[in-house]
Amino acid sequence: MSPAPRRASRCWKNTTWNSTAEISISVAGTGDWRRQAEKVYGNIGHVLGAAGATPASVVKETTWVLSIDSWRQHGAPVRRALYKGDYPASTLVEIPGLARGEFLVEIEVIAAVA
């Protein structure tokens, strides 16, 4: 079995939709909810920027976490700073595990790009 990808992203140009899925594997972020959230949202920002989009372009976000309580305490403040109060439709799902043991969160966004 091959190891899980360090980062997985899809970005389609010249269309209306852009999608990206991000995970964080930074050793510094192992076990650290806030650092993983900052890394994941930073990665998302870079992918959106490459497609000519911004966080305001995001229309849907799906977040998978190992603990909703931990996410609300440590990850949600990072999310609030990214979207600045103008949030996309979102789904938050607590699951028993992600692709690798050190992952705490995975986020997928869909953005409309004109």
N, C-alpha and C. Protein backbone atom coordinates (compact mmCIF):
# COMPACT_ATOMS: atom_id res chain seq x y z
N MET A 1 0.85 -1.17 0.00
CA MET A 1 0.00 0.00 0.00
C MET A 1 0.90 1.24 0.00
N SER A 2 0.64 2.16 -0.89
CA SER A 2 1.46 3.37 -0.97
C SER A 2 1.04 4.35 0.12
N PRO A 3 1.98 5.21 0.56
CA PRO A 3 1.64 6.18 1.60
C PRO A 3 0.62 7.19 1.09
N ALA A 4 -0.09 7.80 2.03
CA ALA A 4 -1.09 8.81 1.69
C ALA A 4 -0.40 10.04 1.10
N PRO A 5 -1.08 10.76 0.21
CA PRO A 5 -0.46 11.95 -0.38
C PRO A 5 -0.25 13.03 0.67
N ARG A 6 0.81 13.81 0.49
CA ARG A 6 1.08 14.91 1.41
C ARG A 6 0.09 16.05 1.16
N ARG A 7 -0.32 16.19 -0.08
CA ARG A 7 -1.26 17.25 -0.43
C ARG A 7 -1.97 16.83 -1.69
N ALA A 8 -3.26 16.96 -1.69
CA ALA A 8 -4.02 16.61 -2.89
C ALA A 8 -4.84 17.82 -3.29
N SER A 9 -4.71 18.26 -4.53
CA SER A 9 -5.51 19.38 -4.99
C SER A 9 -5.93 19.19 -6.43
N ARG A 10 -7.10 19.72 -6.71
CA ARG A 10 -7.59 19.75 -8.08
C ARG A 10 -7.97 21.19 -8.37
N CYS A 11 -7.58 21.67 -9.51
CA CYS A 11 -7.90 23.04 -9.87
C CYS A 11 -8.16 23.09 -11.36
N TRP A 12 -9.35 23.47 -11.75
CA TRP A 12 -9.70 23.55 -13.16
C TRP A 12 -9.81 25.01 -13.55
N LYS A 13 -9.05 25.41 -14.56
CA LYS A 13 -9.13 26.79 -15.05
C LYS A 13 -10.08 26.84 -16.23
N ASN A 14 -10.53 28.05 -16.54
CA ASN A 14 -11.43 28.30 -17.66
C ASN A 14 -12.77 27.60 -17.49
N THR A 15 -13.17 27.37 -16.27
CA THR A 15 -14.49 26.83 -15.98
C THR A 15 -15.07 27.61 -14.81
N THR A 16 -16.27 27.30 -14.46
CA THR A 16 -16.91 28.01 -13.37
C THR A 16 -16.48 27.50 -12.01
N TRP A 17 -16.11 26.23 -11.91
CA TRP A 17 -15.86 25.64 -10.59
C TRP A 17 -14.40 25.28 -10.40
N ASN A 18 -13.97 25.49 -9.19
CA ASN A 18 -12.62 25.13 -8.76
C ASN A 18 -12.78 24.33 -7.48
N SER A 19 -12.08 23.22 -7.38
CA SER A 19 -12.20 22.40 -6.18
C SER A 19 -10.82 22.07 -5.65
N THR A 20 -10.68 22.08 -4.36
CA THR A 20 -9.42 21.70 -3.75
C THR A 20 -9.66 20.93 -2.46
N ALA A 21 -8.91 19.90 -2.24
CA ALA A 21 -8.96 19.16 -0.98
C ALA A 21 -7.59 19.26 -0.35
N GLU A 22 -7.55 19.60 0.90
CA GLU A 22 -6.26 19.81 1.56
C GLU A 22 -6.17 19.05 2.87
N ILE A 23 -4.97 18.56 3.13
CA ILE A 23 -4.63 17.95 4.40
C ILE A 23 -3.30 18.55 4.83
N SER A 24 -2.97 18.45 6.09
CA SER A 24 -1.70 18.95 6.58
C SER A 24 -0.88 17.82 7.16
N ILE A 25 0.38 17.78 6.81
CA ILE A 25 1.25 16.74 7.36
C ILE A 25 2.49 17.34 7.99
N SER A 26 2.50 18.61 8.22
CA SER A 26 3.65 19.26 8.83
C SER A 26 3.99 18.58 10.15
N VAL A 27 5.24 18.17 10.28
CA VAL A 27 5.66 17.52 11.52
C VAL A 27 5.40 18.45 12.70
N ALA A 28 5.62 19.74 12.50
CA ALA A 28 5.38 20.70 13.58
C ALA A 28 3.91 20.73 13.98
N GLY A 29 3.02 20.31 13.06
CA GLY A 29 1.60 20.35 13.35
C GLY A 29 1.04 19.04 13.88
N THR A 30 1.88 18.02 14.04
CA THR A 30 1.39 16.74 14.52
C THR A 30 0.78 16.91 15.91
N GLY A 31 -0.50 16.57 16.02
CA GLY A 31 -1.20 16.69 17.30
C GLY A 31 -1.65 18.09 17.65
N ASP A 32 -1.37 19.06 16.80
CA ASP A 32 -1.68 20.47 17.08
C ASP A 32 -2.79 20.94 16.15
N TRP A 33 -3.99 21.03 16.69
CA TRP A 33 -5.17 21.40 15.89
C TRP A 33 -5.00 22.75 15.20
N ARG A 34 -4.58 23.75 15.93
CA ARG A 34 -4.48 25.09 15.35
C ARG A 34 -3.43 25.13 14.23
N ARG A 35 -2.28 24.54 14.44
CA ARG A 35 -1.23 24.56 13.41
C ARG A 35 -1.67 23.81 12.17
N GLN A 36 -2.37 22.69 12.34
CA GLN A 36 -2.86 21.98 11.16
C GLN A 36 -3.91 22.81 10.44
N ALA A 37 -4.80 23.48 11.18
CA ALA A 37 -5.81 24.33 10.54
C ALA A 37 -5.14 25.46 9.77
N GLU A 38 -4.14 26.10 10.36
CA GLU A 38 -3.43 27.18 9.68
C GLU A 38 -2.76 26.68 8.41
N LYS A 39 -2.15 25.51 8.47
CA LYS A 39 -1.47 24.94 7.30
C LYS A 39 -2.47 24.59 6.20
N VAL A 40 -3.56 23.93 6.58
CA VAL A 40 -4.57 23.54 5.59
C VAL A 40 -5.18 24.77 4.92
N TYR A 41 -5.61 25.75 5.72
CA TYR A 41 -6.22 26.94 5.12
C TYR A 41 -5.19 27.74 4.33
N GLY A 42 -3.93 27.73 4.75
CA GLY A 42 -2.88 28.37 3.95
C GLY A 42 -2.72 27.70 2.60
N ASN A 43 -2.72 26.37 2.59
CA ASN A 43 -2.64 25.62 1.32
C ASN A 43 -3.83 25.94 0.43
N ILE A 44 -5.02 25.98 1.02
CA ILE A 44 -6.22 26.30 0.25
C ILE A 44 -6.10 27.70 -0.35
N GLY A 45 -5.62 28.65 0.43
CA GLY A 45 -5.44 30.01 -0.09
C GLY A 45 -4.51 30.05 -1.28
N HIS A 46 -3.42 29.27 -1.24
CA HIS A 46 -2.48 29.23 -2.37
C HIS A 46 -3.12 28.63 -3.61
N VAL A 47 -3.86 27.55 -3.44
CA VAL A 47 -4.51 26.91 -4.59
C VAL A 47 -5.58 27.82 -5.17
N LEU A 48 -6.36 28.46 -4.31
CA LEU A 48 -7.37 29.40 -4.80
C LEU A 48 -6.71 30.53 -5.58
N GLY A 49 -5.64 31.09 -5.02
CA GLY A 49 -4.94 32.18 -5.69
C GLY A 49 -4.42 31.78 -7.06
N ALA A 50 -3.92 30.56 -7.18
CA ALA A 50 -3.41 30.07 -8.46
C ALA A 50 -4.51 29.99 -9.51
N ALA A 51 -5.76 29.85 -9.06
CA ALA A 51 -6.89 29.77 -9.97
C ALA A 51 -7.58 31.13 -10.15
N GLY A 52 -7.00 32.18 -9.57
CA GLY A 52 -7.60 33.49 -9.67
C GLY A 52 -8.78 33.68 -8.75
N ALA A 53 -8.84 32.89 -7.69
CA ALA A 53 -9.95 32.95 -6.73
C ALA A 53 -9.43 33.43 -5.38
N THR A 54 -10.36 33.76 -4.50
CA THR A 54 -10.05 34.17 -3.13
C THR A 54 -10.98 33.39 -2.19
N PRO A 55 -10.78 33.50 -0.89
CA PRO A 55 -11.72 32.84 0.03
C PRO A 55 -13.17 33.28 -0.20
N ALA A 56 -13.37 34.51 -0.68
CA ALA A 56 -14.73 34.98 -0.96
C ALA A 56 -15.35 34.21 -2.12
N SER A 57 -14.54 33.53 -2.93
CA SER A 57 -15.05 32.73 -4.06
C SER A 57 -15.57 31.37 -3.63
N VAL A 58 -15.26 30.95 -2.41
CA VAL A 58 -15.65 29.62 -1.93
C VAL A 58 -17.16 29.59 -1.69
N VAL A 59 -17.82 28.62 -2.31
CA VAL A 59 -19.27 28.48 -2.16
C VAL A 59 -19.66 27.27 -1.30
N LYS A 60 -18.73 26.34 -1.11
CA LYS A 60 -19.02 25.14 -0.31
C LYS A 60 -17.74 24.64 0.32
N GLU A 61 -17.83 24.28 1.59
CA GLU A 61 -16.69 23.72 2.31
C GLU A 61 -17.14 22.47 3.05
N THR A 62 -16.37 21.40 2.93
CA THR A 62 -16.61 20.19 3.71
C THR A 62 -15.37 19.93 4.54
N THR A 63 -15.56 19.77 5.85
CA THR A 63 -14.45 19.57 6.77
C THR A 63 -14.66 18.27 7.51
N TRP A 64 -13.64 17.40 7.47
CA TRP A 64 -13.66 16.15 8.22
C TRP A 64 -12.67 16.30 9.36
N VAL A 65 -13.09 16.01 10.58
CA VAL A 65 -12.23 16.16 11.76
C VAL A 65 -12.33 14.92 12.64
N LEU A 66 -11.30 14.74 13.47
CA LEU A 66 -11.33 13.64 14.43
C LEU A 66 -12.10 14.00 15.68
N SER A 67 -12.28 15.30 15.95
CA SER A 67 -13.03 15.74 17.13
C SER A 67 -13.68 17.09 16.84
N ILE A 68 -14.99 17.13 16.85
CA ILE A 68 -15.70 18.40 16.63
C ILE A 68 -15.38 19.38 17.74
N ASP A 69 -15.32 18.91 18.99
CA ASP A 69 -15.02 19.81 20.11
C ASP A 69 -13.65 20.46 19.95
N SER A 70 -12.64 19.67 19.59
CA SER A 70 -11.29 20.22 19.40
C SER A 70 -11.26 21.18 18.22
N TRP A 71 -11.99 20.84 17.14
CA TRP A 71 -12.05 21.73 15.98
C TRP A 71 -12.68 23.06 16.35
N ARG A 72 -13.78 23.02 17.07
CA ARG A 72 -14.45 24.27 17.45
C ARG A 72 -13.53 25.15 18.30
N GLN A 73 -12.76 24.53 19.17
CA GLN A 73 -11.88 25.29 20.05
C GLN A 73 -10.66 25.84 19.32
N HIS A 74 -10.04 25.06 18.45
CA HIS A 74 -8.76 25.44 17.87
C HIS A 74 -8.80 25.75 16.37
N GLY A 75 -9.64 25.08 15.61
CA GLY A 75 -9.67 25.27 14.16
C GLY A 75 -10.65 26.34 13.72
N ALA A 76 -11.78 26.43 14.40
CA ALA A 76 -12.80 27.40 14.00
C ALA A 76 -12.30 28.84 14.01
N PRO A 77 -11.46 29.26 14.98
CA PRO A 77 -10.95 30.63 14.92
C PRO A 77 -10.11 30.90 13.66
N VAL A 78 -9.38 29.91 13.19
CA VAL A 78 -8.60 30.06 11.96
C VAL A 78 -9.55 30.21 10.78
N ARG A 79 -10.61 29.42 10.77
CA ARG A 79 -11.62 29.50 9.70
C ARG A 79 -12.28 30.87 9.69
N ARG A 80 -12.65 31.37 10.88
CA ARG A 80 -13.28 32.69 10.96
C ARG A 80 -12.38 33.78 10.39
N ALA A 81 -11.09 33.70 10.66
CA ALA A 81 -10.15 34.70 10.15
C ALA A 81 -10.04 34.64 8.63
N LEU A 82 -10.13 33.45 8.06
CA LEU A 82 -10.04 33.30 6.60
C LEU A 82 -11.25 33.92 5.91
N TYR A 83 -12.44 33.59 6.38
CA TYR A 83 -13.65 34.03 5.69
C TYR A 83 -14.15 35.38 6.16
N LYS A 84 -13.66 35.88 7.25
CA LYS A 84 -14.02 37.21 7.76
C LYS A 84 -15.53 37.40 7.91
N GLY A 85 -16.23 36.34 8.33
CA GLY A 85 -17.66 36.45 8.63
C GLY A 85 -18.59 36.18 7.47
N ASP A 86 -18.07 36.10 6.25
CA ASP A 86 -18.91 35.81 5.09
C ASP A 86 -18.66 34.36 4.69
N TYR A 87 -19.34 33.45 5.40
CA TYR A 87 -19.04 32.02 5.28
C TYR A 87 -19.75 31.34 4.11
N PRO A 88 -19.08 30.36 3.51
CA PRO A 88 -19.74 29.55 2.48
C PRO A 88 -20.63 28.51 3.16
N ALA A 89 -21.47 27.86 2.37
CA ALA A 89 -22.20 26.71 2.89
C ALA A 89 -21.16 25.70 3.35
N SER A 90 -21.45 25.02 4.47
CA SER A 90 -20.41 24.12 4.98
C SER A 90 -21.01 22.90 5.66
N THR A 91 -20.21 21.85 5.68
CA THR A 91 -20.54 20.61 6.38
C THR A 91 -19.34 20.25 7.23
N LEU A 92 -19.59 19.95 8.51
CA LEU A 92 -18.54 19.53 9.43
C LEU A 92 -18.87 18.11 9.87
N VAL A 93 -17.93 17.18 9.64
CA VAL A 93 -18.17 15.77 9.91
C VAL A 93 -17.08 15.23 10.83
N GLU A 94 -17.49 14.61 11.93
CA GLU A 94 -16.52 13.94 12.81
C GLU A 94 -16.39 12.49 12.36
N ILE A 95 -15.15 12.05 12.17
CA ILE A 95 -14.89 10.69 11.70
C ILE A 95 -13.85 10.03 12.61
N PRO A 96 -13.76 8.70 12.60
CA PRO A 96 -12.82 8.02 13.49
C PRO A 96 -11.36 8.10 13.05
N GLY A 97 -11.09 8.41 11.79
CA GLY A 97 -9.71 8.49 11.34
C GLY A 97 -9.61 9.02 9.93
N LEU A 98 -8.42 9.54 9.60
CA LEU A 98 -8.13 10.03 8.26
C LEU A 98 -7.05 9.13 7.65
N ALA A 99 -6.53 9.50 6.51
CA ALA A 99 -5.60 8.65 5.77
C ALA A 99 -4.34 8.29 6.55
N ARG A 100 -3.88 9.20 7.39
CA ARG A 100 -2.70 8.93 8.21
C ARG A 100 -3.00 9.31 9.65
N GLY A 101 -2.37 8.62 10.56
CA GLY A 101 -2.65 8.81 11.98
C GLY A 101 -2.42 10.21 12.50
N GLU A 102 -1.47 10.96 11.90
CA GLU A 102 -1.19 12.30 12.39
C GLU A 102 -2.16 13.36 11.86
N PHE A 103 -3.00 13.01 10.89
CA PHE A 103 -3.97 13.98 10.36
C PHE A 103 -5.09 14.17 11.37
N LEU A 104 -5.41 15.43 11.64
CA LEU A 104 -6.53 15.77 12.51
C LEU A 104 -7.71 16.32 11.71
N VAL A 105 -7.42 16.88 10.53
CA VAL A 105 -8.43 17.57 9.75
C VAL A 105 -8.14 17.42 8.25
N GLU A 106 -9.19 17.34 7.47
CA GLU A 106 -9.11 17.43 6.01
C GLU A 106 -10.23 18.35 5.57
N ILE A 107 -9.93 19.25 4.65
CA ILE A 107 -10.91 20.24 4.20
C ILE A 107 -10.97 20.22 2.68
N GLU A 108 -12.17 20.22 2.14
CA GLU A 108 -12.39 20.34 0.71
C GLU A 108 -13.24 21.58 0.47
N VAL A 109 -12.83 22.40 -0.48
CA VAL A 109 -13.63 23.58 -0.82
C VAL A 109 -13.97 23.55 -2.30
N ILE A 110 -15.10 24.14 -2.62
CA ILE A 110 -15.51 24.36 -4.00
C ILE A 110 -15.71 25.86 -4.14
N ALA A 111 -15.08 26.44 -5.16
CA ALA A 111 -15.14 27.88 -5.36
C ALA A 111 -15.66 28.18 -6.76
N ALA A 112 -16.46 29.23 -6.86
CA ALA A 112 -16.94 29.71 -8.15
C ALA A 112 -15.94 30.73 -8.67
N VAL A 113 -15.44 30.49 -9.88
CA VAL A 113 -14.47 31.40 -10.49
C VAL A 113 -15.07 31.89 -11.80
N ALA A 114 -15.26 33.20 -11.90
CA ALA A 114 -15.87 33.76 -13.11
C ALA A 114 -14.87 33.88 -14.23
